[in-house]
Amino acid sequence: MALSKQWLDHIEAWQGSGLTQSAYCRQQGLNTHTFAARLSEYRKRRPSSPPALIPMQVQSLAPPTERLVLQGSQGYRLELPSTVDAAWLAALLRCLA
């Protein structure tokens, strides 16, 4: 079954929104299970590509209670403690590239 233009538009809008799937669905009045099913269909039909990495600079050291959040355009979200070892994080990012 081919995805309708409406679902393709929703998926692309969600990817650019910076919102979680749940938040986007609430905002648009969509059923989260239906959205997840259409997204799964979309991903099966599209060749997978590695997550896009964006260069960034550390502005200041965060207190240990804060978290580092990496969010990709394909919807993944990785939360790490701000005390994560920089060498380990660099190795992880190299593996994902």
PDB file of N, CA and C in Angstrom:
ATOM      1  N   MET A   1       0.844  -1.178   0.000  1.00  0.00           N
ATOM      2  CA  MET A   1       0.000   0.000   0.000  1.00  0.00           C
ATOM      3  C   MET A   1       0.892   1.244   0.000  1.00  0.00           C
ATOM      4  N   ALA A   2       0.654   2.136  -0.943  1.00  0.00           N
ATOM      5  CA  ALA A   2       1.423   3.369  -1.015  1.00  0.00           C
ATOM      6  C   ALA A   2       0.863   4.369  -0.003  1.00  0.00           C
ATOM      7  N   LEU A   3       1.753   5.143   0.566  1.00  0.00           N
ATOM      8  CA  LEU A   3       1.323   6.164   1.519  1.00  0.00           C
ATOM      9  C   LEU A   3       0.690   7.326   0.768  1.00  0.00           C
ATOM     10  N   SER A   4      -0.373   7.862   1.333  1.00  0.00           N
ATOM     11  CA  SER A   4      -1.033   9.009   0.709  1.00  0.00           C
ATOM     12  C   SER A   4      -0.167  10.262   0.888  1.00  0.00           C
ATOM     13  N   LYS A   5      -0.416  11.248   0.052  1.00  0.00           N
ATOM     14  CA  LYS A   5       0.315  12.508   0.154  1.00  0.00           C
ATOM     15  C   LYS A   5       0.105  13.130   1.531  1.00  0.00           C
ATOM     16  N   GLN A   6      -1.083  12.971   2.076  1.00  0.00           N
ATOM     17  CA  GLN A   6      -1.387  13.525   3.403  1.00  0.00           C
ATOM     18  C   GLN A   6      -0.446  12.945   4.454  1.00  0.00           C
ATOM     19  N   TRP A   7      -0.227  11.616   4.427  1.00  0.00           N
ATOM     20  CA  TRP A   7       0.664  10.997   5.412  1.00  0.00           C
ATOM     21  C   TRP A   7       2.116  11.369   5.157  1.00  0.00           C
ATOM     22  N   LEU A   8       2.505  11.444   3.881  1.00  0.00           N
ATOM     23  CA  LEU A   8       3.871  11.888   3.579  1.00  0.00           C
ATOM     24  C   LEU A   8       4.097  13.305   4.085  1.00  0.00           C
ATOM     25  N   ASP A   9       3.105  14.170   3.902  1.00  0.00           N
ATOM     26  CA  ASP A   9       3.214  15.554   4.399  1.00  0.00           C
ATOM     27  C   ASP A   9       3.333  15.578   5.920  1.00  0.00           C
ATOM     28  N   HIS A  10       2.539  14.746   6.605  1.00  0.00           N
ATOM     29  CA  HIS A  10       2.607  14.691   8.068  1.00  0.00           C
ATOM     30  C   HIS A  10       3.986  14.206   8.536  1.00  0.00           C
ATOM     31  N   ILE A  11       4.498  13.171   7.893  1.00  0.00           N
ATOM     32  CA  ILE A  11       5.794  12.619   8.304  1.00  0.00           C
ATOM     33  C   ILE A  11       6.897  13.652   8.108  1.00  0.00           C
ATOM     34  N   GLU A  12       6.888  14.325   6.966  1.00  0.00           N
ATOM     35  CA  GLU A  12       7.899  15.350   6.701  1.00  0.00           C
ATOM     36  C   GLU A  12       7.759  16.529   7.655  1.00  0.00           C
ATOM     37  N   ALA A  13       6.524  16.916   7.950  1.00  0.00           N
ATOM     38  CA  ALA A  13       6.304  18.016   8.891  1.00  0.00           C
ATOM     39  C   ALA A  13       6.784  17.630  10.283  1.00  0.00           C
ATOM     40  N   TRP A  14       6.501  16.391  10.702  1.00  0.00           N
ATOM     41  CA  TRP A  14       6.961  15.932  12.011  1.00  0.00           C
ATOM     42  C   TRP A  14       8.483  15.931  12.080  1.00  0.00           C
ATOM     43  N   GLN A  15       9.148  15.423  11.009  1.00  0.00           N
ATOM     44  CA  GLN A  15      10.602  15.353  11.008  1.00  0.00           C
ATOM     45  C   GLN A  15      11.233  16.728  11.163  1.00  0.00           C
ATOM     46  N   GLY A  16      10.615  17.737  10.619  1.00  0.00           N
ATOM     47  CA  GLY A  16      11.161  19.083  10.721  1.00  0.00           C
ATOM     48  C   GLY A  16      10.693  19.859  11.938  1.00  0.00           C
ATOM     49  N   SER A  17       9.769  19.269  12.700  1.00  0.00           N
ATOM     50  CA  SER A  17       9.155  20.011  13.808  1.00  0.00           C
ATOM     51  C   SER A  17       9.988  20.048  15.082  1.00  0.00           C
ATOM     52  N   GLY A  18      10.846  19.045  15.276  1.00  0.00           N
ATOM     53  CA  GLY A  18      11.582  18.961  16.532  1.00  0.00           C
ATOM     54  C   GLY A  18      10.741  18.384  17.666  1.00  0.00           C
ATOM     55  N   LEU A  19       9.516  17.982  17.363  1.00  0.00           N
ATOM     56  CA  LEU A  19       8.623  17.415  18.383  1.00  0.00           C
ATOM     57  C   LEU A  19       8.768  15.903  18.432  1.00  0.00           C
ATOM     58  N   THR A  20       8.394  15.328  19.553  1.00  0.00           N
ATOM     59  CA  THR A  20       8.300  13.872  19.629  1.00  0.00           C
ATOM     60  C   THR A  20       7.093  13.452  18.793  1.00  0.00           C
ATOM     61  N   GLN A  21       7.025  12.164  18.477  1.00  0.00           N
ATOM     62  CA  GLN A  21       5.865  11.681  17.721  1.00  0.00           C
ATOM     63  C   GLN A  21       4.572  11.958  18.477  1.00  0.00           C
ATOM     64  N   SER A  22       4.582  11.700  19.777  1.00  0.00           N
ATOM     65  CA  SER A  22       3.372  11.904  20.591  1.00  0.00           C
ATOM     66  C   SER A  22       2.929  13.355  20.575  1.00  0.00           C
ATOM     67  N   ALA A  23       3.889  14.258  20.762  1.00  0.00           N
ATOM     68  CA  ALA A  23       3.552  15.686  20.795  1.00  0.00           C
ATOM     69  C   ALA A  23       3.015  16.150  19.440  1.00  0.00           C
ATOM     70  N   TYR A  24       3.633  15.694  18.359  1.00  0.00           N
ATOM     71  CA  TYR A  24       3.161  16.075  17.028  1.00  0.00           C
ATOM     72  C   TYR A  24       1.738  15.554  16.804  1.00  0.00           C
ATOM     73  N   CYS A  25       1.496  14.309  17.175  1.00  0.00           N
ATOM     74  CA  CYS A  25       0.160  13.722  16.988  1.00  0.00           C
ATOM     75  C   CYS A  25      -0.890  14.468  17.798  1.00  0.00           C
ATOM     76  N   ARG A  26      -0.551  14.823  19.042  1.00  0.00           N
ATOM     77  CA  ARG A  26      -1.501  15.597  19.856  1.00  0.00           C
ATOM     78  C   ARG A  26      -1.801  16.930  19.181  1.00  0.00           C
ATOM     79  N   GLN A  27      -0.753  17.605  18.710  1.00  0.00           N
ATOM     80  CA  GLN A  27      -0.903  18.914  18.080  1.00  0.00           C
ATOM     81  C   GLN A  27      -1.763  18.834  16.818  1.00  0.00           C
ATOM     82  N   GLN A  28      -1.621  17.756  16.057  1.00  0.00           N
ATOM     83  CA  GLN A  28      -2.333  17.614  14.789  1.00  0.00           C
ATOM     84  C   GLN A  28      -3.633  16.814  14.891  1.00  0.00           C
ATOM     85  N   GLY A  29      -3.919  16.286  16.081  1.00  0.00           N
ATOM     86  CA  GLY A  29      -5.137  15.498  16.270  1.00  0.00           C
ATOM     87  C   GLY A  29      -5.071  14.137  15.590  1.00  0.00           C
ATOM     88  N   LEU A  30      -3.866  13.537  15.569  1.00  0.00           N
ATOM     89  CA  LEU A  30      -3.670  12.237  14.924  1.00  0.00           C
ATOM     90  C   LEU A  30      -3.586  11.127  15.962  1.00  0.00           C
ATOM     91  N   ASN A  31      -3.988   9.944  15.563  1.00  0.00           N
ATOM     92  CA  ASN A  31      -3.846   8.777  16.421  1.00  0.00           C
ATOM     93  C   ASN A  31      -2.380   8.355  16.400  1.00  0.00           C
ATOM     94  N   THR A  32      -1.760   8.229  17.574  1.00  0.00           N
ATOM     95  CA  THR A  32      -0.327   7.925  17.639  1.00  0.00           C
ATOM     96  C   THR A  32       0.000   6.553  17.054  1.00  0.00           C
ATOM     97  N   HIS A  33      -0.875   5.585  17.236  1.00  0.00           N
ATOM     98  CA  HIS A  33      -0.625   4.244  16.704  1.00  0.00           C
ATOM     99  C   HIS A  33      -0.684   4.243  15.174  1.00  0.00           C
ATOM    100  N   THR A  34      -1.644   4.982  14.625  1.00  0.00           N
ATOM    101  CA  THR A  34      -1.751   5.083  13.172  1.00  0.00           C
ATOM    102  C   THR A  34      -0.524   5.799  12.611  1.00  0.00           C
ATOM    103  N   PHE A  35      -0.117   6.877  13.271  1.00  0.00           N
ATOM    104  CA  PHE A  35       1.063   7.615  12.813  1.00  0.00           C
ATOM    105  C   PHE A  35       2.297   6.708  12.833  1.00  0.00           C
ATOM    106  N   ALA A  36       2.473   5.958  13.908  1.00  0.00           N
ATOM    107  CA  ALA A  36       3.624   5.058  14.017  1.00  0.00           C
ATOM    108  C   ALA A  36       3.597   3.998  12.913  1.00  0.00           C
ATOM    109  N   ALA A  37       2.414   3.493  12.586  1.00  0.00           N
ATOM    110  CA  ALA A  37       2.293   2.489  11.523  1.00  0.00           C
ATOM    111  C   ALA A  37       2.656   3.091  10.166  1.00  0.00           C
ATOM    112  N   ARG A  38       2.183   4.306   9.888  1.00  0.00           N
ATOM    113  CA  ARG A  38       2.501   4.967   8.614  1.00  0.00           C
ATOM    114  C   ARG A  38       3.989   5.315   8.545  1.00  0.00           C
ATOM    115  N   LEU A  39       4.567   5.717   9.663  1.00  0.00           N
ATOM    116  CA  LEU A  39       5.995   6.016   9.700  1.00  0.00           C
ATOM    117  C   LEU A  39       6.812   4.754   9.435  1.00  0.00           C
ATOM    118  N   SER A  40       6.374   3.644   9.990  1.00  0.00           N
ATOM    119  CA  SER A  40       7.049   2.367   9.752  1.00  0.00           C
ATOM    120  C   SER A  40       7.004   2.006   8.266  1.00  0.00           C
ATOM    121  N   GLU A  41       5.849   2.184   7.637  1.00  0.00           N
ATOM    122  CA  GLU A  41       5.723   1.930   6.199  1.00  0.00           C
ATOM    123  C   GLU A  41       6.664   2.836   5.419  1.00  0.00           C
ATOM    124  N   TYR A  42       6.695   4.097   5.794  1.00  0.00           N
ATOM    125  CA  TYR A  42       7.553   5.088   5.135  1.00  0.00           C
ATOM    126  C   TYR A  42       9.022   4.677   5.227  1.00  0.00           C
ATOM    127  N   ARG A  43       9.449   4.271   6.414  1.00  0.00           N
ATOM    128  CA  ARG A  43      10.850   3.897   6.615  1.00  0.00           C
ATOM    129  C   ARG A  43      11.213   2.619   5.859  1.00  0.00           C
ATOM    130  N   LYS A  44      10.278   1.699   5.720  1.00  0.00           N
ATOM    131  CA  LYS A  44      10.548   0.465   4.978  1.00  0.00           C
ATOM    132  C   LYS A  44      10.742   0.743   3.491  1.00  0.00           C
ATOM    133  N   ARG A  45      10.067   1.758   2.990  1.00  0.00           N
ATOM    134  CA  ARG A  45      10.127   2.079   1.571  1.00  0.00           C
ATOM    135  C   ARG A  45      11.301   3.004   1.230  1.00  0.00           C
ATOM    136  N   ARG A  46      11.851   3.669   2.211  1.00  0.00           N
ATOM    137  CA  ARG A  46      12.956   4.608   1.980  1.00  0.00           C
ATOM    138  C   ARG A  46      14.272   3.933   2.329  1.00  0.00           C
ATOM    139  N   PRO A  47      15.309   4.164   1.531  1.00  0.00           N
ATOM    140  CA  PRO A  47      16.618   3.633   1.920  1.00  0.00           C
ATOM    141  C   PRO A  47      17.076   4.338   3.195  1.00  0.00           C
ATOM    142  N   SER A  48      17.627   3.561   4.100  1.00  0.00           N
ATOM    143  CA  SER A  48      18.056   4.169   5.361  1.00  0.00           C
ATOM    144  C   SER A  48      19.346   4.934   5.138  1.00  0.00           C
ATOM    145  N   SER A  49      19.464   6.021   5.833  1.00  0.00           N
ATOM    146  CA  SER A  49      20.685   6.816   5.768  1.00  0.00           C
ATOM    147  C   SER A  49      21.138   7.078   7.196  1.00  0.00           C
ATOM    148  N   PRO A  50      22.431   7.283   7.382  1.00  0.00           N
ATOM    149  CA  PRO A  50      22.901   7.535   8.739  1.00  0.00           C
ATOM    150  C   PRO A  50      22.344   8.850   9.261  1.00  0.00           C
ATOM    151  N   PRO A  51      22.207   8.976  10.558  1.00  0.00           N
ATOM    152  CA  PRO A  51      21.689  10.223  11.112  1.00  0.00           C
ATOM    153  C   PRO A  51      22.611  11.386  10.753  1.00  0.00           C
ATOM    154  N   ALA A  52      22.001  12.507  10.446  1.00  0.00           N
ATOM    155  CA  ALA A  52      22.786  13.695  10.129  1.00  0.00           C
ATOM    156  C   ALA A  52      23.369  14.265  11.416  1.00  0.00           C
ATOM    157  N   LEU A  53      24.648  14.546  11.382  1.00  0.00           N
ATOM    158  CA  LEU A  53      25.305  15.135  12.540  1.00  0.00           C
ATOM    159  C   LEU A  53      25.568  16.603  12.257  1.00  0.00           C
ATOM    160  N   ILE A  54      25.325  17.411  13.233  1.00  0.00           N
ATOM    161  CA  ILE A  54      25.481  18.848  13.091  1.00  0.00           C
ATOM    162  C   ILE A  54      26.648  19.288  13.969  1.00  0.00           C
ATOM    163  N   PRO A  55      27.598  20.059  13.404  1.00  0.00           N
ATOM    164  CA  PRO A  55      28.694  20.545  14.247  1.00  0.00           C
ATOM    165  C   PRO A  55      28.139  21.393  15.391  1.00  0.00           C
ATOM    166  N   MET A  56      28.734  21.267  16.558  1.00  0.00           N
ATOM    167  CA  MET A  56      28.277  22.061  17.695  1.00  0.00           C
ATOM    168  C   MET A  56      29.457  22.436  18.570  1.00  0.00           C
ATOM    169  N   GLN A  57      29.273  23.460  19.354  1.00  0.00           N
ATOM    170  CA  GLN A  57      30.289  23.911  20.293  1.00  0.00           C
ATOM    171  C   GLN A  57      29.703  23.851  21.691  1.00  0.00           C
ATOM    172  N   VAL A  58      30.552  23.546  22.651  1.00  0.00           N
ATOM    173  CA  VAL A  58      30.123  23.556  24.040  1.00  0.00           C
ATOM    174  C   VAL A  58      30.286  24.983  24.555  1.00  0.00           C
ATOM    175  N   GLN A  59      29.181  25.568  24.998  1.00  0.00           N
ATOM    176  CA  GLN A  59      29.201  26.946  25.470  1.00  0.00           C
ATOM    177  C   GLN A  59      29.728  27.047  26.902  1.00  0.00           C
ATOM    178  N   SER A  60      29.280  26.142  27.730  1.00  0.00           N
ATOM    179  CA  SER A  60      29.710  26.145  29.129  1.00  0.00           C
ATOM    180  C   SER A  60      29.501  24.748  29.695  1.00  0.00           C
ATOM    181  N   LEU A  61      30.115  24.467  30.824  1.00  0.00           N
ATOM    182  CA  LEU A  61      29.924  23.174  31.471  1.00  0.00           C
ATOM    183  C   LEU A  61      28.581  23.166  32.179  1.00  0.00           C
ATOM    184  N   ALA A  62      27.843  22.090  31.992  1.00  0.00           N
ATOM    185  CA  ALA A  62      26.533  21.967  32.603  1.00  0.00           C
ATOM    186  C   ALA A  62      26.669  21.314  33.975  1.00  0.00           C
ATOM    187  N   PRO A  63      25.815  21.694  34.910  1.00  0.00           N
ATOM    188  CA  PRO A  63      25.823  21.010  36.200  1.00  0.00           C
ATOM    189  C   PRO A  63      25.528  19.526  36.006  1.00  0.00           C
ATOM    190  N   PRO A  64      26.005  18.659  36.883  1.00  0.00           N
ATOM    191  CA  PRO A  64      25.825  17.217  36.712  1.00  0.00           C
ATOM    192  C   PRO A  64      24.370  16.767  36.619  1.00  0.00           C
ATOM    193  N   THR A  65      23.431  17.570  37.073  1.00  0.00           N
ATOM    194  CA  THR A  65      22.027  17.163  37.030  1.00  0.00           C
ATOM    195  C   THR A  65      21.420  17.362  35.634  1.00  0.00           C
ATOM    196  N   GLU A  66      22.089  18.105  34.753  1.00  0.00           N
ATOM    197  CA  GLU A  66      21.547  18.341  33.419  1.00  0.00           C
ATOM    198  C   GLU A  66      21.912  17.199  32.490  1.00  0.00           C
ATOM    199  N   ARG A  67      21.192  17.138  31.377  1.00  0.00           N
ATOM    200  CA  ARG A  67      21.403  16.057  30.423  1.00  0.00           C
ATOM    201  C   ARG A  67      21.742  16.647  29.063  1.00  0.00           C
ATOM    202  N   LEU A  68      22.533  15.903  28.305  1.00  0.00           N
ATOM    203  CA  LEU A  68      22.856  16.229  26.935  1.00  0.00           C
ATOM    204  C   LEU A  68      21.857  15.468  26.070  1.00  0.00           C
ATOM    205  N   VAL A  69      21.181  16.166  25.168  1.00  0.00           N
ATOM    206  CA  VAL A  69      20.169  15.529  24.336  1.00  0.00           C
ATOM    207  C   VAL A  69      20.574  15.682  22.876  1.00  0.00           C
ATOM    208  N   LEU A  70      20.675  14.545  22.183  1.00  0.00           N
ATOM    209  CA  LEU A  70      20.928  14.537  20.746  1.00  0.00           C
ATOM    210  C   LEU A  70      19.657  14.036  20.077  1.00  0.00           C
ATOM    211  N   GLN A  71      19.119  14.849  19.163  1.00  0.00           N
ATOM    212  CA  GLN A  71      17.881  14.461  18.502  1.00  0.00           C
ATOM    213  C   GLN A  71      18.114  14.519  17.002  1.00  0.00           C
ATOM    214  N   GLY A  72      17.800  13.426  16.320  1.00  0.00           N
ATOM    215  CA  GLY A  72      18.011  13.336  14.885  1.00  0.00           C
ATOM    216  C   GLY A  72      16.765  13.648  14.095  1.00  0.00           C
ATOM    217  N   SER A  73      16.961  13.939  12.841  1.00  0.00           N
ATOM    218  CA  SER A  73      15.837  14.285  11.975  1.00  0.00           C
ATOM    219  C   SER A  73      14.919  13.094  11.717  1.00  0.00           C
ATOM    220  N   GLN A  74      15.392  11.881  11.975  1.00  0.00           N
ATOM    221  CA  GLN A  74      14.551  10.703  11.765  1.00  0.00           C
ATOM    222  C   GLN A  74      13.794  10.312  13.028  1.00  0.00           C
ATOM    223  N   GLY A  75      13.841  11.153  14.025  1.00  0.00           N
ATOM    224  CA  GLY A  75      13.033  10.913  15.205  1.00  0.00           C
ATOM    225  C   GLY A  75      13.731  10.276  16.374  1.00  0.00           C
ATOM    226  N   TYR A  76      14.961   9.867  16.210  1.00  0.00           N
ATOM    227  CA  TYR A  76      15.621   9.260  17.355  1.00  0.00           C
ATOM    228  C   TYR A  76      15.999  10.349  18.352  1.00  0.00           C
ATOM    229  N   ARG A  77      16.114   9.978  19.595  1.00  0.00           N
ATOM    230  CA  ARG A  77      16.477  10.915  20.667  1.00  0.00           C
ATOM    231  C   ARG A  77      17.369  10.166  21.633  1.00  0.00           C
ATOM    232  N   LEU A  78      18.533  10.720  21.891  1.00  0.00           N
ATOM    233  CA  LEU A  78      19.489  10.094  22.786  1.00  0.00           C
ATOM    234  C   LEU A  78      19.779  11.076  23.911  1.00  0.00           C
ATOM    235  N   GLU A  79      19.491  10.675  25.143  1.00  0.00           N
ATOM    236  CA  GLU A  79      19.756  11.520  26.304  1.00  0.00           C
ATOM    237  C   GLU A  79      20.898  10.910  27.094  1.00  0.00           C
ATOM    238  N   LEU A  80      21.865  11.742  27.421  1.00  0.00           N
ATOM    239  CA  LEU A  80      23.037  11.297  28.167  1.00  0.00           C
ATOM    240  C   LEU A  80      23.267  12.239  29.331  1.00  0.00           C
ATOM    241  N   PRO A  81      23.859  11.750  30.404  1.00  0.00           N
ATOM    242  CA  PRO A  81      24.194  12.671  31.489  1.00  0.00           C
ATOM    243  C   PRO A  81      25.245  13.656  30.996  1.00  0.00           C
ATOM    244  N   SER A  82      25.211  14.876  31.504  1.00  0.00           N
ATOM    245  CA  SER A  82      26.169  15.892  31.067  1.00  0.00           C
ATOM    246  C   SER A  82      27.597  15.522  31.469  1.00  0.00           C
ATOM    247  N   THR A  83      27.744  14.547  32.331  1.00  0.00           N
ATOM    248  CA  THR A  83      29.077  14.124  32.778  1.00  0.00           C
ATOM    249  C   THR A  83      29.653  13.014  31.903  1.00  0.00           C
ATOM    250  N   VAL A  84      28.994  12.699  30.778  1.00  0.00           N
ATOM    251  CA  VAL A  84      29.474  11.628  29.912  1.00  0.00           C
ATOM    252  C   VAL A  84      30.897  11.944  29.445  1.00  0.00           C
ATOM    253  N   ASP A  85      31.706  10.907  29.352  1.00  0.00           N
ATOM    254  CA  ASP A  85      33.096  11.065  28.947  1.00  0.00           C
ATOM    255  C   ASP A  85      33.155  11.549  27.498  1.00  0.00           C
ATOM    256  N   ALA A  86      33.901  12.618  27.243  1.00  0.00           N
ATOM    257  CA  ALA A  86      33.971  13.219  25.915  1.00  0.00           C
ATOM    258  C   ALA A  86      34.562  12.256  24.888  1.00  0.00           C
ATOM    259  N   ALA A  87      35.555  11.469  25.276  1.00  0.00           N
ATOM    260  CA  ALA A  87      36.170  10.518  24.344  1.00  0.00           C
ATOM    261  C   ALA A  87      35.160   9.437  23.949  1.00  0.00           C
ATOM    262  N   TRP A  88      34.370   8.978  24.913  1.00  0.00           N
ATOM    263  CA  TRP A  88      33.347   7.972  24.620  1.00  0.00           C
ATOM    264  C   TRP A  88      32.306   8.547  23.668  1.00  0.00           C
ATOM    265  N   LEU A  89      31.869   9.782  23.922  1.00  0.00           N
ATOM    266  CA  LEU A  89      30.873  10.422  23.067  1.00  0.00           C
ATOM    267  C   LEU A  89      31.424  10.613  21.649  1.00  0.00           C
ATOM    268  N   ALA A  90      32.690  11.020  21.544  1.00  0.00           N
ATOM    269  CA  ALA A  90      33.307  11.181  20.226  1.00  0.00           C
ATOM    270  C   ALA A  90      33.345   9.853  19.480  1.00  0.00           C
ATOM    271  N   ALA A  91      33.665   8.778  20.168  1.00  0.00           N
ATOM    272  CA  ALA A  91      33.700   7.454  19.543  1.00  0.00           C
ATOM    273  C   ALA A  91      32.300   7.041  19.085  1.00  0.00           C
ATOM    274  N   LEU A  92      31.303   7.324  19.893  1.00  0.00           N
ATOM    275  CA  LEU A  92      29.915   7.022  19.514  1.00  0.00           C
ATOM    276  C   LEU A  92      29.525   7.776  18.259  1.00  0.00           C
ATOM    277  N   LEU A  93      29.827   9.059  18.208  1.00  0.00           N
ATOM    278  CA  LEU A  93      29.463   9.870  17.041  1.00  0.00           C
ATOM    279  C   LEU A  93      30.193   9.394  15.777  1.00  0.00           C
ATOM    280  N   ARG A  94      31.443   8.937  15.936  1.00  0.00           N
ATOM    281  CA  ARG A  94      32.172   8.399  14.787  1.00  0.00           C
ATOM    282  C   ARG A  94      31.497   7.129  14.277  1.00  0.00           C
ATOM    283  N   CYS A  95      31.016   6.297  15.191  1.00  0.00           N
ATOM    284  CA  CYS A  95      30.335   5.049  14.796  1.00  0.00           C
ATOM    285  C   CYS A  95      29.031   5.360  14.061  1.00  0.00           C
ATOM    286  N   LEU A  96      28.347   6.410  14.449  1.00  0.00           N
ATOM    287  CA  LEU A  96      27.061   6.756  13.838  1.00  0.00           C
ATOM    288  C   LEU A  96      27.224   7.435  12.497  1.00  0.00           C
ATOM    289  N   ALA A  97      28.381   7.980  12.228  1.00  0.00           N
ATOM    290  CA  ALA A  97      28.589   8.734  10.971  1.00  0.00           C
ATOM    291  C   ALA A  97      28.642   7.815   9.774  1.00  0.00           C
TER     292      ALA A  97
END
